Amino acid sequence: MENSSPRYDRVQVTLHWLIAAIVFFMIGLGLYMVELPKKWELPPGEESVRAFYFLLHKSMGITVAMLMILRVVWRLTHKVPPMPDTIPKWQQRAATTVHAVFYIMLLAIPLTGYLQSMYSKFHTKFWGITLPRMAEADKLAREQFSEIHQFLAYLLVVLIVLHVAAAIKHHLSGSGIFDRMSFKR
């Protein structure tokens, strides 16, 4: 089926797939790293690799936040292609709502992760660069932001499943929606 539906521009497509790839990796990494033993849980002389994965997760989270800010700015300054008239209005509203929630979540999750890290006893590092501490360690605040961060991450997984299911449905129906966010021209 020939698609005459307008497409997102290359910057929007690139940001979409880059952020998606990082987020997929981070979900797996987040689930893996929290199960790693802490240093004091290991036999004497064994080194924990837990800190490495946590630092990687934090750096990637801050990177996602920066890319999302760029994406928001780009979205505010560049038109979004209209959906085809063949898509029912309720689906158009649902898609608009889901995209808005994605934007909020992909800014809120890195923020809560950063605050969780800020209130821990460890410094926050961004690709090896120690970021200034803006708050003293506070166990209760760290635990609260940790719970919020984890809840939002699980909620994001649900949202991703819905988004992917809708994309597959539209791809199989030949509506052209899926192609709007593809690299093919």
C-alpha atoms as a PDB file:
ATOM      1  CA  MET A   1       0.000   0.000   0.000  1.00  0.00           C
ATOM      2  CA  GLU A   2       1.395   3.382  -0.981  1.00  0.00           C
ATOM      3  CA  ASN A   3       1.563   5.768   1.925  1.00  0.00           C
ATOM      4  CA  SER A   4       0.660   9.382   1.265  1.00  0.00           C
ATOM      5  CA  SER A   5       0.527  10.242   4.972  1.00  0.00           C
ATOM      6  CA  PRO A   6       2.925  13.010   6.002  1.00  0.00           C
ATOM      7  CA  ARG A   7       5.957  11.868   7.969  1.00  0.00           C
ATOM      8  CA  TYR A   8       7.845  13.161  10.944  1.00  0.00           C
ATOM      9  CA  ASP A   9      11.099  14.868  10.016  1.00  0.00           C
ATOM     10  CA  ARG A  10      14.440  13.079  10.371  1.00  0.00           C
ATOM     11  CA  VAL A  11      15.300  14.786  13.671  1.00  0.00           C
ATOM     12  CA  GLN A  12      12.016  13.672  15.244  1.00  0.00           C
ATOM     13  CA  VAL A  13      12.446  10.130  13.907  1.00  0.00           C
ATOM     14  CA  THR A  14      16.060   9.934  15.079  1.00  0.00           C
ATOM     15  CA  LEU A  15      15.217  11.225  18.556  1.00  0.00           C
ATOM     16  CA  HIS A  16      12.278   8.819  18.823  1.00  0.00           C
ATOM     17  CA  TRP A  17      14.327   5.721  17.998  1.00  0.00           C
ATOM     18  CA  LEU A  18      17.443   6.809  19.893  1.00  0.00           C
ATOM     19  CA  ILE A  19      15.453   7.495  23.057  1.00  0.00           C
ATOM     20  CA  ALA A  20      13.483   4.252  22.576  1.00  0.00           C
ATOM     21  CA  ALA A  21      16.694   2.207  22.240  1.00  0.00           C
ATOM     22  CA  ILE A  22      18.218   3.779  25.354  1.00  0.00           C
ATOM     23  CA  VAL A  23      15.006   3.305  27.347  1.00  0.00           C
ATOM     24  CA  PHE A  24      14.706  -0.367  26.351  1.00  0.00           C
ATOM     25  CA  PHE A  25      18.310  -0.931  27.383  1.00  0.00           C
ATOM     26  CA  MET A  26      17.803   0.962  30.649  1.00  0.00           C
ATOM     27  CA  ILE A  27      14.735  -1.069  31.607  1.00  0.00           C
ATOM     28  CA  GLY A  28      16.733  -4.279  31.279  1.00  0.00           C
ATOM     29  CA  LEU A  29      19.725  -2.725  32.993  1.00  0.00           C
ATOM     30  CA  GLY A  30      17.576  -1.422  35.851  1.00  0.00           C
ATOM     31  CA  LEU A  31      16.039  -4.837  36.463  1.00  0.00           C
ATOM     32  CA  TYR A  32      19.467  -6.505  36.303  1.00  0.00           C
ATOM     33  CA  MET A  33      21.458  -4.093  38.451  1.00  0.00           C
ATOM     34  CA  VAL A  34      19.126  -4.062  41.454  1.00  0.00           C
ATOM     35  CA  GLU A  35      19.582  -7.835  41.782  1.00  0.00           C
ATOM     36  CA  LEU A  36      23.383  -7.610  41.931  1.00  0.00           C
ATOM     37  CA  PRO A  37      24.929  -8.211  45.353  1.00  0.00           C
ATOM     38  CA  LYS A  38      26.138  -5.248  47.350  1.00  0.00           C
ATOM     39  CA  LYS A  39      29.786  -5.131  48.393  1.00  0.00           C
ATOM     40  CA  TRP A  40      29.059  -6.230  51.973  1.00  0.00           C
ATOM     41  CA  GLU A  41      27.020  -9.184  50.694  1.00  0.00           C
ATOM     42  CA  LEU A  42      30.034 -10.684  48.921  1.00  0.00           C
ATOM     43  CA  PRO A  43      32.797 -12.847  50.398  1.00  0.00           C
ATOM     44  CA  PRO A  44      35.912 -10.909  51.467  1.00  0.00           C
ATOM     45  CA  GLY A  45      38.147 -10.006  48.541  1.00  0.00           C
ATOM     46  CA  GLU A  46      35.400 -10.144  45.903  1.00  0.00           C
ATOM     47  CA  GLU A  47      34.550  -6.917  44.129  1.00  0.00           C
ATOM     48  CA  SER A  48      30.991  -5.874  43.349  1.00  0.00           C
ATOM     49  CA  VAL A  49      30.274  -4.578  39.856  1.00  0.00           C
ATOM     50  CA  ARG A  50      26.998  -3.086  41.092  1.00  0.00           C
ATOM     51  CA  ALA A  51      28.377   0.475  41.241  1.00  0.00           C
ATOM     52  CA  PHE A  52      29.462   0.327  37.577  1.00  0.00           C
ATOM     53  CA  TYR A  53      25.955  -0.569  36.414  1.00  0.00           C
ATOM     54  CA  PHE A  54      24.309   2.015  38.654  1.00  0.00           C
ATOM     55  CA  LEU A  55      26.622   4.726  37.301  1.00  0.00           C
ATOM     56  CA  LEU A  56      25.897   3.596  33.734  1.00  0.00           C
ATOM     57  CA  HIS A  57      22.145   3.674  34.439  1.00  0.00           C
ATOM     58  CA  LYS A  58      22.394   7.174  35.944  1.00  0.00           C
ATOM     59  CA  SER A  59      24.439   8.523  33.029  1.00  0.00           C
ATOM     60  CA  MET A  60      22.031   7.065  30.503  1.00  0.00           C
ATOM     61  CA  GLY A  61      19.063   8.460  32.455  1.00  0.00           C
ATOM     62  CA  ILE A  62      20.513  11.966  32.423  1.00  0.00           C
ATOM     63  CA  THR A  63      21.206  11.516  28.704  1.00  0.00           C
ATOM     64  CA  VAL A  64      17.551  10.563  28.124  1.00  0.00           C
ATOM     65  CA  ALA A  65      16.448  13.678  30.033  1.00  0.00           C
ATOM     66  CA  MET A  66      18.678  15.865  27.860  1.00  0.00           C
ATOM     67  CA  LEU A  67      17.428  14.203  24.670  1.00  0.00           C
ATOM     68  CA  MET A  68      13.837  14.622  25.855  1.00  0.00           C
ATOM     69  CA  ILE A  69      14.369  18.324  26.466  1.00  0.00           C
ATOM     70  CA  LEU A  70      15.738  18.573  22.916  1.00  0.00           C
ATOM     71  CA  ARG A  71      12.750  16.585  21.669  1.00  0.00           C
ATOM     72  CA  VAL A  72      10.274  18.854  23.461  1.00  0.00           C
ATOM     73  CA  VAL A  73      11.955  21.961  22.038  1.00  0.00           C
ATOM     74  CA  TRP A  74      11.976  20.413  18.565  1.00  0.00           C
ATOM     75  CA  ARG A  75       8.331  19.391  18.894  1.00  0.00           C
ATOM     76  CA  LEU A  76       7.327  22.913  19.961  1.00  0.00           C
ATOM     77  CA  THR A  77       9.149  24.466  17.006  1.00  0.00           C
ATOM     78  CA  HIS A  78       8.283  21.924  14.289  1.00  0.00           C
ATOM     79  CA  LYS A  79       4.898  20.750  13.109  1.00  0.00           C
ATOM     80  CA  VAL A  80       3.633  17.285  13.839  1.00  0.00           C
ATOM     81  CA  PRO A  81       2.174  15.632  10.757  1.00  0.00           C
ATOM     82  CA  PRO A  82      -1.601  15.245  10.974  1.00  0.00           C
ATOM     83  CA  MET A  83      -3.026  11.763  11.297  1.00  0.00           C
ATOM     84  CA  PRO A  84      -4.868  10.329   8.318  1.00  0.00           C
ATOM     85  CA  ASP A  85      -8.624  10.913   8.320  1.00  0.00           C
ATOM     86  CA  THR A  86      -9.052   7.133   8.248  1.00  0.00           C
ATOM     87  CA  ILE A  87      -7.997   6.956  11.911  1.00  0.00           C
ATOM     88  CA  PRO A  88     -11.061   7.285  14.184  1.00  0.00           C
ATOM     89  CA  LYS A  89     -11.170  10.437  16.302  1.00  0.00           C
ATOM     90  CA  TRP A  90     -11.063   8.476  19.561  1.00  0.00           C
ATOM     91  CA  GLN A  91      -7.827   6.789  18.442  1.00  0.00           C
ATOM     92  CA  GLN A  92      -6.366  10.168  17.492  1.00  0.00           C
ATOM     93  CA  ARG A  93      -7.225  11.533  20.967  1.00  0.00           C
ATOM     94  CA  ALA A  94      -5.826   8.400  22.619  1.00  0.00           C
ATOM     95  CA  ALA A  95      -2.593   8.702  20.635  1.00  0.00           C
ATOM     96  CA  THR A  96      -2.245  12.387  21.554  1.00  0.00           C
ATOM     97  CA  THR A  97      -2.801  11.551  25.226  1.00  0.00           C
ATOM     98  CA  VAL A  98      -0.353   8.633  25.206  1.00  0.00           C
ATOM     99  CA  HIS A  99       2.324  10.771  23.534  1.00  0.00           C
ATOM    100  CA  ALA A 100       1.851  13.530  26.117  1.00  0.00           C
ATOM    101  CA  VAL A 101       2.137  10.984  28.927  1.00  0.00           C
ATOM    102  CA  PHE A 102       5.308   9.583  27.302  1.00  0.00           C
ATOM    103  CA  TYR A 103       6.871  13.040  27.282  1.00  0.00           C
ATOM    104  CA  ILE A 104       5.949  13.617  30.928  1.00  0.00           C
ATOM    105  CA  MET A 105       7.161  10.167  31.995  1.00  0.00           C
ATOM    106  CA  LEU A 106      10.430  10.404  30.089  1.00  0.00           C
ATOM    107  CA  LEU A 107      11.191  13.627  31.933  1.00  0.00           C
ATOM    108  CA  ALA A 108       9.791  12.579  35.343  1.00  0.00           C
ATOM    109  CA  ILE A 109      11.606   9.234  35.497  1.00  0.00           C
ATOM    110  CA  PRO A 110      15.099  10.702  35.001  1.00  0.00           C
ATOM    111  CA  LEU A 111      14.224  13.524  37.423  1.00  0.00           C
ATOM    112  CA  THR A 112      13.122  11.133  40.162  1.00  0.00           C
ATOM    113  CA  GLY A 113      16.177   8.970  39.501  1.00  0.00           C
ATOM    114  CA  TYR A 114      18.395  12.034  39.805  1.00  0.00           C
ATOM    115  CA  LEU A 115      16.696  13.085  43.053  1.00  0.00           C
ATOM    116  CA  GLN A 116      17.030   9.546  44.377  1.00  0.00           C
ATOM    117  CA  SER A 117      20.732   9.702  43.587  1.00  0.00           C
ATOM    118  CA  MET A 118      21.056  13.222  44.992  1.00  0.00           C
ATOM    119  CA  TYR A 119      19.727  12.106  48.377  1.00  0.00           C
ATOM    120  CA  SER A 120      21.970   9.021  48.534  1.00  0.00           C
ATOM    121  CA  LYS A 121      25.336   8.990  50.259  1.00  0.00           C
ATOM    122  CA  PHE A 122      27.069   8.544  46.886  1.00  0.00           C
ATOM    123  CA  HIS A 123      27.921  11.290  44.419  1.00  0.00           C
ATOM    124  CA  THR A 124      26.019  11.493  41.156  1.00  0.00           C
ATOM    125  CA  LYS A 125      28.254  11.055  38.134  1.00  0.00           C
ATOM    126  CA  PHE A 126      27.417  11.793  34.520  1.00  0.00           C
ATOM    127  CA  TRP A 127      29.705   9.769  32.261  1.00  0.00           C
ATOM    128  CA  GLY A 128      32.468  10.002  34.891  1.00  0.00           C
ATOM    129  CA  ILE A 129      31.970  13.695  35.715  1.00  0.00           C
ATOM    130  CA  THR A 130      30.924  14.242  39.330  1.00  0.00           C
ATOM    131  CA  LEU A 131      27.899  16.528  39.423  1.00  0.00           C
ATOM    132  CA  PRO A 132      27.570  19.093  42.205  1.00  0.00           C
ATOM    133  CA  ARG A 133      25.635  17.892  45.226  1.00  0.00           C
ATOM    134  CA  MET A 134      22.553  20.041  45.725  1.00  0.00           C
ATOM    135  CA  ALA A 135      21.266  18.220  48.819  1.00  0.00           C
ATOM    136  CA  GLU A 136      22.662  16.306  51.745  1.00  0.00           C
ATOM    137  CA  ALA A 137      22.169  12.574  51.991  1.00  0.00           C
ATOM    138  CA  ASP A 138      18.726  11.792  53.372  1.00  0.00           C
ATOM    139  CA  LYS A 139      17.708   8.138  53.601  1.00  0.00           C
ATOM    140  CA  LEU A 140      13.963   8.814  53.808  1.00  0.00           C
ATOM    141  CA  ALA A 141      13.967  11.179  50.806  1.00  0.00           C
ATOM    142  CA  ARG A 142      16.121   8.722  48.826  1.00  0.00           C
ATOM    143  CA  GLU A 143      13.712   5.877  49.576  1.00  0.00           C
ATOM    144  CA  GLN A 144      10.675   7.985  48.635  1.00  0.00           C
ATOM    145  CA  PHE A 145      12.191   9.048  45.308  1.00  0.00           C
ATOM    146  CA  SER A 146      13.318   5.459  44.732  1.00  0.00           C
ATOM    147  CA  GLU A 147       9.736   4.208  45.133  1.00  0.00           C
ATOM    148  CA  ILE A 148       8.381   6.921  42.825  1.00  0.00           C
ATOM    149  CA  HIS A 149      11.128   6.209  40.264  1.00  0.00           C
ATOM    150  CA  GLN A 150      10.381   2.482  40.325  1.00  0.00           C
ATOM    151  CA  PHE A 151       6.594   2.996  40.101  1.00  0.00           C
ATOM    152  CA  LEU A 152       6.981   5.347  37.127  1.00  0.00           C
ATOM    153  CA  ALA A 153       9.361   2.905  35.425  1.00  0.00           C
ATOM    154  CA  TYR A 154       6.828   0.069  35.708  1.00  0.00           C
ATOM    155  CA  LEU A 155       4.094   2.387  34.483  1.00  0.00           C
ATOM    156  CA  LEU A 156       6.336   3.287  31.533  1.00  0.00           C
ATOM    157  CA  VAL A 157       6.667  -0.411  30.661  1.00  0.00           C
ATOM    158  CA  VAL A 158       2.864  -0.684  30.514  1.00  0.00           C
ATOM    159  CA  LEU A 159       2.711   2.422  28.323  1.00  0.00           C
ATOM    160  CA  ILE A 160       5.409   1.017  26.012  1.00  0.00           C
ATOM    161  CA  VAL A 161       3.486  -2.251  25.621  1.00  0.00           C
ATOM    162  CA  LEU A 162       0.336  -0.299  24.662  1.00  0.00           C
ATOM    163  CA  HIS A 163       2.312   1.915  22.276  1.00  0.00           C
ATOM    164  CA  VAL A 164       4.036  -1.027  20.569  1.00  0.00           C
ATOM    165  CA  ALA A 165       0.743  -2.939  20.312  1.00  0.00           C
ATOM    166  CA  ALA A 166      -0.927   0.073  18.672  1.00  0.00           C
ATOM    167  CA  ALA A 167       2.022   0.525  16.297  1.00  0.00           C
ATOM    168  CA  ILE A 168       1.864  -3.141  15.278  1.00  0.00           C
ATOM    169  CA  LYS A 169      -1.914  -2.934  14.811  1.00  0.00           C
ATOM    170  CA  HIS A 170      -1.548   0.120  12.577  1.00  0.00           C
ATOM    171  CA  HIS A 171       1.316  -1.446  10.653  1.00  0.00           C
ATOM    172  CA  LEU A 172      -0.678  -4.615   9.983  1.00  0.00           C
ATOM    173  CA  SER A 173      -3.772  -2.620   8.976  1.00  0.00           C
ATOM    174  CA  GLY A 174      -1.792  -0.607   6.431  1.00  0.00           C
ATOM    175  CA  SER A 175      -2.945   2.719   7.878  1.00  0.00           C
ATOM    176  CA  GLY A 176       0.427   4.358   7.210  1.00  0.00           C
ATOM    177  CA  ILE A 177       0.791   5.491  10.835  1.00  0.00           C
ATOM    178  CA  PHE A 178       3.761   3.206  11.452  1.00  0.00           C
ATOM    179  CA  ASP A 179       5.634   4.548   8.418  1.00  0.00           C
ATOM    180  CA  ARG A 180       5.392   8.128   9.679  1.00  0.00           C
ATOM    181  CA  MET A 181       8.067   7.327  12.280  1.00  0.00           C
ATOM    182  CA  SER A 182      10.273   5.179  10.041  1.00  0.00           C
ATOM    183  CA  PHE A 183      13.542   6.137   8.390  1.00  0.00           C
ATOM    184  CA  LYS A 184      12.412   4.995   4.941  1.00  0.00           C
ATOM    185  CA  ARG A 185      11.409   7.811   2.616  1.00  0.00           C
END
